[in-house]
């Protein structure tokens, strides 16, 4: 990889992209991410789309015997 950065912290964060470990997990849907900033972007998706899915909160039961 040819990524370069002047700070060690950014390099460590970038190196997570190359690992197989995804240690940041969404508390809503349990999807995992390699970087914390990816998780935060994902969580914004839940917040912005929450009202869209309110209509699906009602559950329906099958009446077939």
PDB file of N, CA and C in Angstrom:
ATOM      1  N   UNK A   1       0.839  -1.175   0.000  1.00  0.00           N
ATOM      2  CA  UNK A   1       0.000   0.000   0.000  1.00  0.00           C
ATOM      3  C   UNK A   1       0.888   1.243   0.000  1.00  0.00           C
ATOM      4  N   UNK A   2       0.509   2.232  -0.741  1.00  0.00           N
ATOM      5  CA  UNK A   2       1.326   3.439  -0.870  1.00  0.00           C
ATOM      6  C   UNK A   2       0.825   4.598  -0.013  1.00  0.00           C
ATOM      7  N   UNK A   3      -0.072   4.330   0.930  1.00  0.00           N
ATOM      8  CA  UNK A   3      -0.618   5.381   1.796  1.00  0.00           C
ATOM      9  C   UNK A   3       0.487   5.990   2.650  1.00  0.00           C
ATOM     10  N   UNK A   4       0.506   7.331   2.724  1.00  0.00           N
ATOM     11  CA  UNK A   4       1.476   8.038   3.563  1.00  0.00           C
ATOM     12  C   UNK A   4       0.735   9.098   4.368  1.00  0.00           C
ATOM     13  N   UNK A   5       1.178   9.297   5.608  1.00  0.00           N
ATOM     14  CA  UNK A   5       0.600  10.314   6.473  1.00  0.00           C
ATOM     15  C   UNK A   5       1.673  10.833   7.423  1.00  0.00           C
ATOM     16  N   UNK A   6       1.589  12.074   7.817  1.00  0.00           N
ATOM     17  CA  UNK A   6       2.596  12.602   8.741  1.00  0.00           C
ATOM     18  C   UNK A   6       2.386  12.179  10.199  1.00  0.00           C
ATOM     19  N   UNK A   7       1.230  11.594  10.511  1.00  0.00           N
ATOM     20  CA  UNK A   7       0.976  11.229  11.914  1.00  0.00           C
ATOM     21  C   UNK A   7       0.858   9.722  12.085  1.00  0.00           C
ATOM     22  N   UNK A   8       1.404   9.240  13.155  1.00  0.00           N
ATOM     23  CA  UNK A   8       1.358   7.814  13.466  1.00  0.00           C
ATOM     24  C   UNK A   8      -0.076   7.364  13.751  1.00  0.00           C
ATOM     25  N   UNK A   9      -0.871   8.208  14.389  1.00  0.00           N
ATOM     26  CA  UNK A   9      -2.256   7.843  14.715  1.00  0.00           C
ATOM     27  C   UNK A   9      -3.073   7.575  13.453  1.00  0.00           C
ATOM     28  N   UNK A  10      -2.892   8.417  12.433  1.00  0.00           N
ATOM     29  CA  UNK A  10      -3.625   8.208  11.173  1.00  0.00           C
ATOM     30  C   UNK A  10      -3.143   6.946  10.460  1.00  0.00           C
ATOM     31  N   UNK A  11      -1.866   6.657  10.569  1.00  0.00           N
ATOM     32  CA  UNK A  11      -1.332   5.434   9.973  1.00  0.00           C
ATOM     33  C   UNK A  11      -1.931   4.205  10.639  1.00  0.00           C
ATOM     34  N   UNK A  12      -1.994   4.218  11.958  1.00  0.00           N
ATOM     35  CA  UNK A  12      -2.582   3.092  12.704  1.00  0.00           C
ATOM     36  C   UNK A  12      -4.047   2.900  12.295  1.00  0.00           C
ATOM     37  N   UNK A  13      -4.782   3.999  12.156  1.00  0.00           N
ATOM     38  CA  UNK A  13      -6.177   3.939  11.738  1.00  0.00           C
ATOM     39  C   UNK A  13      -6.287   3.351  10.334  1.00  0.00           C
ATOM     40  N   UNK A  14      -5.411   3.778   9.444  1.00  0.00           N
ATOM     41  CA  UNK A  14      -5.418   3.270   8.069  1.00  0.00           C
ATOM     42  C   UNK A  14      -5.090   1.777   8.022  1.00  0.00           C
ATOM     43  N   UNK A  15      -4.172   1.349   8.835  1.00  0.00           N
ATOM     44  CA  UNK A  15      -3.767  -0.058   8.839  1.00  0.00           C
ATOM     45  C   UNK A  15      -4.919  -0.990   9.206  1.00  0.00           C
ATOM     46  N   UNK A  16      -5.897  -0.486   9.924  1.00  0.00           N
ATOM     47  CA  UNK A  16      -7.073  -1.307  10.254  1.00  0.00           C
ATOM     48  C   UNK A  16      -7.815  -1.747   8.996  1.00  0.00           C
ATOM     49  N   UNK A  17      -7.753  -0.938   7.950  1.00  0.00           N
ATOM     50  CA  UNK A  17      -8.418  -1.302   6.693  1.00  0.00           C
ATOM     51  C   UNK A  17      -7.843  -2.579   6.088  1.00  0.00           C
ATOM     52  N   UNK A  18      -6.587  -2.841   6.358  1.00  0.00           N
ATOM     53  CA  UNK A  18      -5.914  -4.018   5.809  1.00  0.00           C
ATOM     54  C   UNK A  18      -6.072  -5.262   6.680  1.00  0.00           C
ATOM     55  N   UNK A  19      -6.572  -5.102   7.881  1.00  0.00           N
ATOM     56  CA  UNK A  19      -6.738  -6.258   8.766  1.00  0.00           C
ATOM     57  C   UNK A  19      -8.097  -6.916   8.521  1.00  0.00           C
ATOM     58  N   UNK A  20      -8.240  -8.099   8.994  1.00  0.00           N
ATOM     59  CA  UNK A  20      -9.525  -8.804   8.857  1.00  0.00           C
ATOM     60  C   UNK A  20     -10.433  -8.535  10.053  1.00  0.00           C
ATOM     61  N   UNK A  21      -9.918  -7.836  11.050  1.00  0.00           N
ATOM     62  CA  UNK A  21     -10.665  -7.554  12.269  1.00  0.00           C
ATOM     63  C   UNK A  21     -11.611  -6.368  12.073  1.00  0.00           C
ATOM     64  N   UNK A  22     -12.856  -6.559  12.468  1.00  0.00           N
ATOM     65  CA  UNK A  22     -13.849  -5.481  12.459  1.00  0.00           C
ATOM     66  C   UNK A  22     -14.352  -5.338  13.884  1.00  0.00           C
ATOM     67  N   UNK A  23     -13.749  -4.422  14.641  1.00  0.00           N
ATOM     68  CA  UNK A  23     -14.013  -4.372  16.076  1.00  0.00           C
ATOM     69  C   UNK A  23     -15.049  -3.342  16.491  1.00  0.00           C
ATOM     70  N   UNK A  24     -15.608  -2.593  15.545  1.00  0.00           N
ATOM     71  CA  UNK A  24     -16.629  -1.598  15.866  1.00  0.00           C
ATOM     72  C   UNK A  24     -17.976  -2.097  15.361  1.00  0.00           C
ATOM     73  N   UNK A  25     -18.915  -2.362  16.276  1.00  0.00           N
ATOM     74  CA  UNK A  25     -20.189  -2.983  15.933  1.00  0.00           C
ATOM     75  C   UNK A  25     -21.363  -2.050  16.206  1.00  0.00           C
ATOM     76  N   UNK A  26     -22.285  -1.991  15.257  1.00  0.00           N
ATOM     77  CA  UNK A  26     -23.490  -1.183  15.400  1.00  0.00           C
ATOM     78  C   UNK A  26     -24.402  -1.825  16.440  1.00  0.00           C
ATOM     79  N   UNK A  27     -24.857  -1.031  17.379  1.00  0.00           N
ATOM     80  CA  UNK A  27     -25.722  -1.551  18.442  1.00  0.00           C
ATOM     81  C   UNK A  27     -27.146  -1.791  17.952  1.00  0.00           C
ATOM     82  N   UNK A  28     -27.491  -1.283  16.787  1.00  0.00           N
ATOM     83  CA  UNK A  28     -28.846  -1.442  16.258  1.00  0.00           C
ATOM     84  C   UNK A  28     -28.967  -2.683  15.375  1.00  0.00           C
ATOM     85  N   UNK A  29     -28.061  -2.833  14.407  1.00  0.00           N
ATOM     86  CA  UNK A  29     -28.191  -3.952  13.452  1.00  0.00           C
ATOM     87  C   UNK A  29     -27.057  -4.974  13.551  1.00  0.00           C
ATOM     88  N   UNK A  30     -26.079  -4.729  14.421  1.00  0.00           N
ATOM     89  CA  UNK A  30     -24.954  -5.632  14.685  1.00  0.00           C
ATOM     90  C   UNK A  30     -23.954  -5.732  13.517  1.00  0.00           C
ATOM     91  N   UNK A  31     -24.030  -4.849  12.530  1.00  0.00           N
ATOM     92  CA  UNK A  31     -23.050  -4.829  11.450  1.00  0.00           C
ATOM     93  C   UNK A  31     -21.727  -4.331  12.021  1.00  0.00           C
ATOM     94  N   UNK A  32     -20.614  -4.920  11.573  1.00  0.00           N
ATOM     95  CA  UNK A  32     -19.301  -4.570  12.113  1.00  0.00           C
ATOM     96  C   UNK A  32     -18.472  -3.778  11.104  1.00  0.00           C
ATOM     97  N   UNK A  33     -17.599  -2.930  11.641  1.00  0.00           N
ATOM     98  CA  UNK A  33     -16.762  -2.073  10.823  1.00  0.00           C
ATOM     99  C   UNK A  33     -15.336  -2.093  11.326  1.00  0.00           C
ATOM    100  N   UNK A  34     -14.402  -1.850  10.429  1.00  0.00           N
ATOM    101  CA  UNK A  34     -12.984  -1.842  10.788  1.00  0.00           C
ATOM    102  C   UNK A  34     -12.571  -0.528  11.423  1.00  0.00           C
ATOM    103  N   UNK A  35     -13.227   0.559  11.077  1.00  0.00           N
ATOM    104  CA  UNK A  35     -12.867   1.869  11.608  1.00  0.00           C
ATOM    105  C   UNK A  35     -14.047   2.505  12.322  1.00  0.00           C
ATOM    106  N   UNK A  36     -13.732   3.247  13.375  1.00  0.00           N
ATOM    107  CA  UNK A  36     -14.756   3.914  14.172  1.00  0.00           C
ATOM    108  C   UNK A  36     -15.539   4.923  13.330  1.00  0.00           C
ATOM    109  N   UNK A  37     -14.844   5.638  12.452  1.00  0.00           N
ATOM    110  CA  UNK A  37     -15.533   6.635  11.630  1.00  0.00           C
ATOM    111  C   UNK A  37     -16.527   5.975  10.658  1.00  0.00           C
ATOM    112  N   UNK A  38     -16.253   4.746  10.234  1.00  0.00           N
ATOM    113  CA  UNK A  38     -17.199   4.023   9.392  1.00  0.00           C
ATOM    114  C   UNK A  38     -18.470   3.696  10.179  1.00  0.00           C
ATOM    115  N   UNK A  39     -18.304   3.308  11.438  1.00  0.00           N
ATOM    116  CA  UNK A  39     -19.442   3.021  12.299  1.00  0.00           C
ATOM    117  C   UNK A  39     -20.280   4.279  12.496  1.00  0.00           C
ATOM    118  N   UNK A  40     -19.644   5.408  12.772  1.00  0.00           N
ATOM    119  CA  UNK A  40     -20.372   6.660  12.995  1.00  0.00           C
ATOM    120  C   UNK A  40     -21.157   7.078  11.748  1.00  0.00           C
ATOM    121  N   UNK A  41     -20.568   6.910  10.570  1.00  0.00           N
ATOM    122  CA  UNK A  41     -21.277   7.212   9.318  1.00  0.00           C
ATOM    123  C   UNK A  41     -22.483   6.289   9.170  1.00  0.00           C
ATOM    124  N   UNK A  42     -22.302   5.024   9.489  1.00  0.00           N
ATOM    125  CA  UNK A  42     -23.379   4.042   9.416  1.00  0.00           C
ATOM    126  C   UNK A  42     -24.506   4.388  10.393  1.00  0.00           C
ATOM    127  N   UNK A  43     -24.160   4.776  11.615  1.00  0.00           N
ATOM    128  CA  UNK A  43     -25.175   5.115  12.618  1.00  0.00           C
ATOM    129  C   UNK A  43     -26.013   6.314  12.179  1.00  0.00           C
ATOM    130  N   UNK A  44     -25.408   7.245  11.450  1.00  0.00           N
ATOM    131  CA  UNK A  44     -26.162   8.387  10.914  1.00  0.00           C
ATOM    132  C   UNK A  44     -27.243   7.899   9.958  1.00  0.00           C
ATOM    133  N   UNK A  45     -26.944   6.815   9.218  1.00  0.00           N
ATOM    134  CA  UNK A  45     -27.924   6.227   8.311  1.00  0.00           C
ATOM    135  C   UNK A  45     -29.157   5.771   9.094  1.00  0.00           C
ATOM    136  N   UNK A  46     -28.944   5.121  10.223  1.00  0.00           N
ATOM    137  CA  UNK A  46     -30.075   4.674  11.044  1.00  0.00           C
ATOM    138  C   UNK A  46     -30.907   5.864  11.520  1.00  0.00           C
ATOM    139  N   UNK A  47     -30.242   6.932  11.940  1.00  0.00           N
ATOM    140  CA  UNK A  47     -30.947   8.102  12.451  1.00  0.00           C
ATOM    141  C   UNK A  47     -31.740   8.805  11.357  1.00  0.00           C
ATOM    142  N   UNK A  48     -31.164   8.955  10.163  1.00  0.00           N
ATOM    143  CA  UNK A  48     -31.848   9.675   9.087  1.00  0.00           C
ATOM    144  C   UNK A  48     -32.960   8.854   8.459  1.00  0.00           C
ATOM    145  N   UNK A  49     -32.863   7.547   8.528  1.00  0.00           N
ATOM    146  CA  UNK A  49     -33.870   6.690   7.911  1.00  0.00           C
ATOM    147  C   UNK A  49     -34.851   6.107   8.916  1.00  0.00           C
ATOM    148  N   UNK A  50     -34.705   6.469  10.169  1.00  0.00           N
ATOM    149  CA  UNK A  50     -35.556   5.910  11.223  1.00  0.00           C
ATOM    150  C   UNK A  50     -37.027   6.202  10.955  1.00  0.00           C
ATOM    151  N   UNK A  51     -37.358   7.410  10.549  1.00  0.00           N
ATOM    152  CA  UNK A  51     -38.761   7.759  10.319  1.00  0.00           C
ATOM    153  C   UNK A  51     -39.336   7.018   9.125  1.00  0.00           C
ATOM    154  N   UNK A  52     -38.505   6.694   8.146  1.00  0.00           N
ATOM    155  CA  UNK A  52     -38.974   5.951   6.969  1.00  0.00           C
ATOM    156  C   UNK A  52     -39.485   4.565   7.360  1.00  0.00           C
ATOM    157  N   UNK A  53     -38.855   3.959   8.368  1.00  0.00           N
ATOM    158  CA  UNK A  53     -39.177   2.586   8.723  1.00  0.00           C
ATOM    159  C   UNK A  53     -40.174   2.463   9.870  1.00  0.00           C
ATOM    160  N   UNK A  54     -40.658   3.568  10.393  1.00  0.00           N
ATOM    161  CA  UNK A  54     -41.640   3.522  11.485  1.00  0.00           C
ATOM    162  C   UNK A  54     -42.876   2.729  11.079  1.00  0.00           C
ATOM    163  N   UNK A  55     -43.292   2.835   9.798  1.00  0.00           N
ATOM    164  CA  UNK A  55     -44.504   2.147   9.367  1.00  0.00           C
ATOM    165  C   UNK A  55     -44.351   0.627   9.409  1.00  0.00           C
ATOM    166  N   UNK A  56     -43.125   0.123   9.465  1.00  0.00           N
ATOM    167  CA  UNK A  56     -42.904  -1.314   9.480  1.00  0.00           C
ATOM    168  C   UNK A  56     -42.791  -1.888  10.891  1.00  0.00           C
ATOM    169  N   UNK A  57     -42.944  -1.049  11.908  1.00  0.00           N
ATOM    170  CA  UNK A  57     -42.814  -1.527  13.283  1.00  0.00           C
ATOM    171  C   UNK A  57     -43.962  -2.440  13.702  1.00  0.00           C
ATOM    172  N   UNK A  58     -45.135  -2.276  13.091  1.00  0.00           N
ATOM    173  CA  UNK A  58     -46.278  -3.129  13.436  1.00  0.00           C
ATOM    174  C   UNK A  58     -45.998  -4.547  12.926  1.00  0.00           C
ATOM    175  N   UNK A  59     -46.311  -5.522  13.742  1.00  0.00           N
ATOM    176  CA  UNK A  59     -46.108  -6.902  13.321  1.00  0.00           C
ATOM    177  C   UNK A  59     -47.441  -7.506  12.894  1.00  0.00           C
ATOM    178  N   UNK A  60     -47.377  -8.441  11.984  1.00  0.00           N
ATOM    179  CA  UNK A  60     -48.559  -9.119  11.464  1.00  0.00           C
ATOM    180  C   UNK A  60     -48.396 -10.609  11.677  1.00  0.00           C
ATOM    181  N   UNK A  61     -49.444 -11.250  12.056  1.00  0.00           N
ATOM    182  CA  UNK A  61     -49.391 -12.681  12.297  1.00  0.00           C
ATOM    183  C   UNK A  61     -50.173 -13.415  11.231  1.00  0.00           C
ATOM    184  N   UNK A  62     -49.636 -14.507  10.756  1.00  0.00           N
ATOM    185  CA  UNK A  62     -50.297 -15.310   9.745  1.00  0.00           C
ATOM    186  C   UNK A  62     -51.489 -16.027  10.381  1.00  0.00           C
ATOM    187  N   UNK A  63     -52.618 -16.014   9.697  1.00  0.00           N
ATOM    188  CA  UNK A  63     -53.826 -16.671  10.226  1.00  0.00           C
ATOM    189  C   UNK A  63     -54.041 -18.070   9.647  1.00  0.00           C
ATOM    190  N   UNK A  64     -53.186 -18.492   8.763  1.00  0.00           N
ATOM    191  CA  UNK A  64     -53.325 -19.820   8.164  1.00  0.00           C
ATOM    192  C   UNK A  64     -53.129 -20.897   9.211  1.00  0.00           C
ATOM    193  N   UNK A  65     -53.905 -21.949   9.107  1.00  0.00           N
ATOM    194  CA  UNK A  65     -53.844 -23.038  10.091  1.00  0.00           C
ATOM    195  C   UNK A  65     -53.014 -24.166   9.592  1.00  0.00           C
TER     196      UNK A  65
END
